C-alpha atoms as a PDB file:
ATOM      1  CA  MET A   1    -210.469 141.768  34.055  1.00  0.00           C
ATOM      2  CA  ILE A   2    -208.778 140.154  37.062  1.00  0.00           C
ATOM      3  CA  LYS A   3    -205.254 138.874  36.446  1.00  0.00           C
ATOM      4  CA  ASN A   4    -204.248 135.427  37.756  1.00  0.00           C
ATOM      5  CA  GLN A   5    -201.893 136.913  40.363  1.00  0.00           C
ATOM      6  CA  ASP A   6    -204.863 138.869  41.768  1.00  0.00           C
ATOM      7  CA  ILE A   7    -206.845 135.662  42.468  1.00  0.00           C
ATOM      8  CA  ILE A   8    -206.543 133.081  45.220  1.00  0.00           C
ATOM      9  CA  ILE A   9    -208.252 129.709  45.502  1.00  0.00           C
ATOM     10  CA  VAL A  10    -209.563 128.475  48.843  1.00  0.00           C
ATOM     11  CA  MET A  11    -211.640 125.480  49.937  1.00  0.00           C
ATOM     12  CA  VAL A  12    -214.906 126.275  51.713  1.00  0.00           C
ATOM     13  CA  ARG A  13    -217.215 123.983  53.650  1.00  0.00           C
ATOM     14  CA  SER A  14    -220.399 125.433  55.093  1.00  0.00           C
ATOM     15  CA  PHE A  15    -222.904 123.842  57.433  1.00  0.00           C
ATOM     16  CA  ILE A  16    -225.334 126.722  56.864  1.00  0.00           C
ATOM     17  CA  PRO A  17    -227.706 126.740  53.872  1.00  0.00           C
ATOM     18  CA  SER A  18    -226.979 129.358  51.229  1.00  0.00           C
ATOM     19  CA  ARG A  19    -229.918 131.198  49.677  1.00  0.00           C
ATOM     20  CA  GLU A  20    -227.791 132.550  46.840  1.00  0.00           C
ATOM     21  CA  LEU A  21    -226.403 130.640  43.863  1.00  0.00           C
ATOM     22  CA  VAL A  22    -222.761 129.906  44.641  1.00  0.00           C
ATOM     23  CA  GLU A  23    -221.082 127.660  42.078  1.00  0.00           C
ATOM     24  CA  GLY A  24    -220.104 124.326  43.613  1.00  0.00           C
ATOM     25  CA  TYR A  25    -221.938 124.957  46.898  1.00  0.00           C
ATOM     26  CA  GLU A  26    -223.467 121.928  48.582  1.00  0.00           C
ATOM     27  CA  LEU A  27    -224.309 121.914  52.288  1.00  0.00           C
ATOM     28  CA  GLY A  28    -221.498 120.301  54.317  1.00  0.00           C
ATOM     29  CA  ARG A  29    -219.323 119.462  51.297  1.00  0.00           C
ATOM     30  CA  PRO A  30    -216.076 121.282  50.488  1.00  0.00           C
ATOM     31  CA  PHE A  31    -215.836 123.264  47.270  1.00  0.00           C
ATOM     32  CA  LYS A  32    -213.171 125.432  45.654  1.00  0.00           C
ATOM     33  CA  ILE A  33    -213.802 129.084  45.110  1.00  0.00           C
ATOM     34  CA  GLU A  34    -211.757 131.754  43.332  1.00  0.00           C
ATOM     35  CA  LEU A  35    -211.502 135.015  45.252  1.00  0.00           C
ATOM     36  CA  PRO A  36    -209.753 138.337  44.829  1.00  0.00           C
ATOM     37  CA  ARG A  37    -206.459 138.570  46.723  1.00  0.00           C
ATOM     38  CA  GLY A  38    -206.881 140.486  49.989  1.00  0.00           C
ATOM     39  CA  ILE A  39    -210.410 139.244  50.735  1.00  0.00           C
ATOM     40  CA  THR A  40    -211.238 138.729  54.398  1.00  0.00           C
ATOM     41  CA  LEU A  41    -212.988 135.809  56.031  1.00  0.00           C
ATOM     42  CA  GLY A  42    -215.946 138.084  56.818  1.00  0.00           C
ATOM     43  CA  GLU A  43    -216.285 139.134  53.181  1.00  0.00           C
ATOM     44  CA  LEU A  44    -216.152 135.508  52.029  1.00  0.00           C
ATOM     45  CA  SER A  45    -218.772 134.520  54.622  1.00  0.00           C
ATOM     46  CA  GLN A  46    -221.093 137.299  53.461  1.00  0.00           C
ATOM     47  CA  MET A  47    -220.639 136.251  49.832  1.00  0.00           C
ATOM     48  CA  VAL A  48    -221.379 132.564  50.490  1.00  0.00           C
ATOM     49  CA  LEU A  49    -224.137 132.914  53.083  1.00  0.00           C
ATOM     50  CA  SER A  50    -225.709 136.218  51.999  1.00  0.00           C
ATOM     51  CA  LYS A  51    -229.179 136.387  53.594  1.00  0.00           C
ATOM     52  CA  ASN A  52    -228.353 133.569  56.047  1.00  0.00           C
ATOM     53  CA  ILE A  53    -225.324 135.359  57.531  1.00  0.00           C
ATOM     54  CA  ASP A  54    -227.238 135.764  60.805  1.00  0.00           C
ATOM     55  CA  GLN A  55    -227.013 131.975  61.290  1.00  0.00           C
ATOM     56  CA  LEU A  56    -223.192 132.071  61.323  1.00  0.00           C
ATOM     57  CA  GLY A  57    -221.691 131.036  64.653  1.00  0.00           C
ATOM     58  CA  ILE A  58    -218.102 129.852  64.275  1.00  0.00           C
ATOM     59  CA  MET A  59    -215.606 130.395  61.478  1.00  0.00           C
ATOM     60  CA  ALA A  60    -212.442 128.338  61.167  1.00  0.00           C
ATOM     61  CA  VAL A  61    -209.471 128.590  58.820  1.00  0.00           C
ATOM     62  CA  ASN A  62    -207.175 125.592  58.503  1.00  0.00           C
ATOM     63  CA  GLY A  63    -208.814 123.977  61.533  1.00  0.00           C
ATOM     64  CA  GLU A  64    -208.446 126.955  63.891  1.00  0.00           C
ATOM     65  CA  ALA A  65    -211.112 129.421  65.018  1.00  0.00           C
ATOM     66  CA  ALA A  66    -210.690 132.694  63.148  1.00  0.00           C
ATOM     67  CA  LYS A  67    -212.056 136.240  63.190  1.00  0.00           C
ATOM     68  CA  LYS A  68    -213.820 137.912  60.302  1.00  0.00           C
ATOM     69  CA  ASN A  69    -210.967 140.395  59.687  1.00  0.00           C
ATOM     70  CA  LEU A  70    -208.499 137.584  58.821  1.00  0.00           C
ATOM     71  CA  VAL A  71    -207.147 138.034  55.281  1.00  0.00           C
ATOM     72  CA  LEU A  72    -207.340 134.716  53.428  1.00  0.00           C
ATOM     73  CA  SER A  73    -204.326 133.124  51.742  1.00  0.00           C
ATOM     74  CA  PRO A  74    -204.124 130.792  48.754  1.00  0.00           C
ATOM     75  CA  GLY A  75    -204.955 127.211  49.715  1.00  0.00           C
ATOM     76  CA  ASP A  76    -206.742 128.082  52.980  1.00  0.00           C
ATOM     77  CA  LYS A  77    -209.465 125.699  54.146  1.00  0.00           C
ATOM     78  CA  VAL A  78    -212.476 127.577  55.520  1.00  0.00           C
ATOM     79  CA  ASP A  79    -215.274 126.029  57.600  1.00  0.00           C
ATOM     80  CA  LEU A  80    -218.473 127.916  58.442  1.00  0.00           C
ATOM     81  CA  TYR A  81    -220.590 126.560  61.306  1.00  0.00           C
ATOM     82  CA  ALA A  82    -224.085 127.498  62.443  1.00  0.00           C
ATOM     83  CA  LEU A  83    -224.918 128.949  65.832  1.00  0.00           C
ATOM     84  CA  LEU A  84    -225.223 126.315  68.528  1.00  0.00           C
ATOM     85  CA  ASP A  85    -228.425 125.886  70.477  1.00  0.00           C
ATOM     86  CA  GLY A  86    -228.565 124.763  74.048  1.00  0.00           C
ATOM     87  CA  GLY A  87    -228.042 125.967  77.535  1.00  0.00           C
END
């Protein structure tokens, strides 16, 4: 059993379809998710996107581009954007 102090809540908004059932997930709409303390942005992305992780282009936390090794904090706002096409 996970204790309350071992859980954080973050807001996630993804512009990439999820093939897995993630409670509250709706393309392009923010949703709250409970996560274990110490989880990284990369781990969250893998959990939300699962089989579509290869479509991930840009990750942002609180409006700033972020790397997958960033450890998330309570109240963070995460945005996941698809790869951009073009030339």
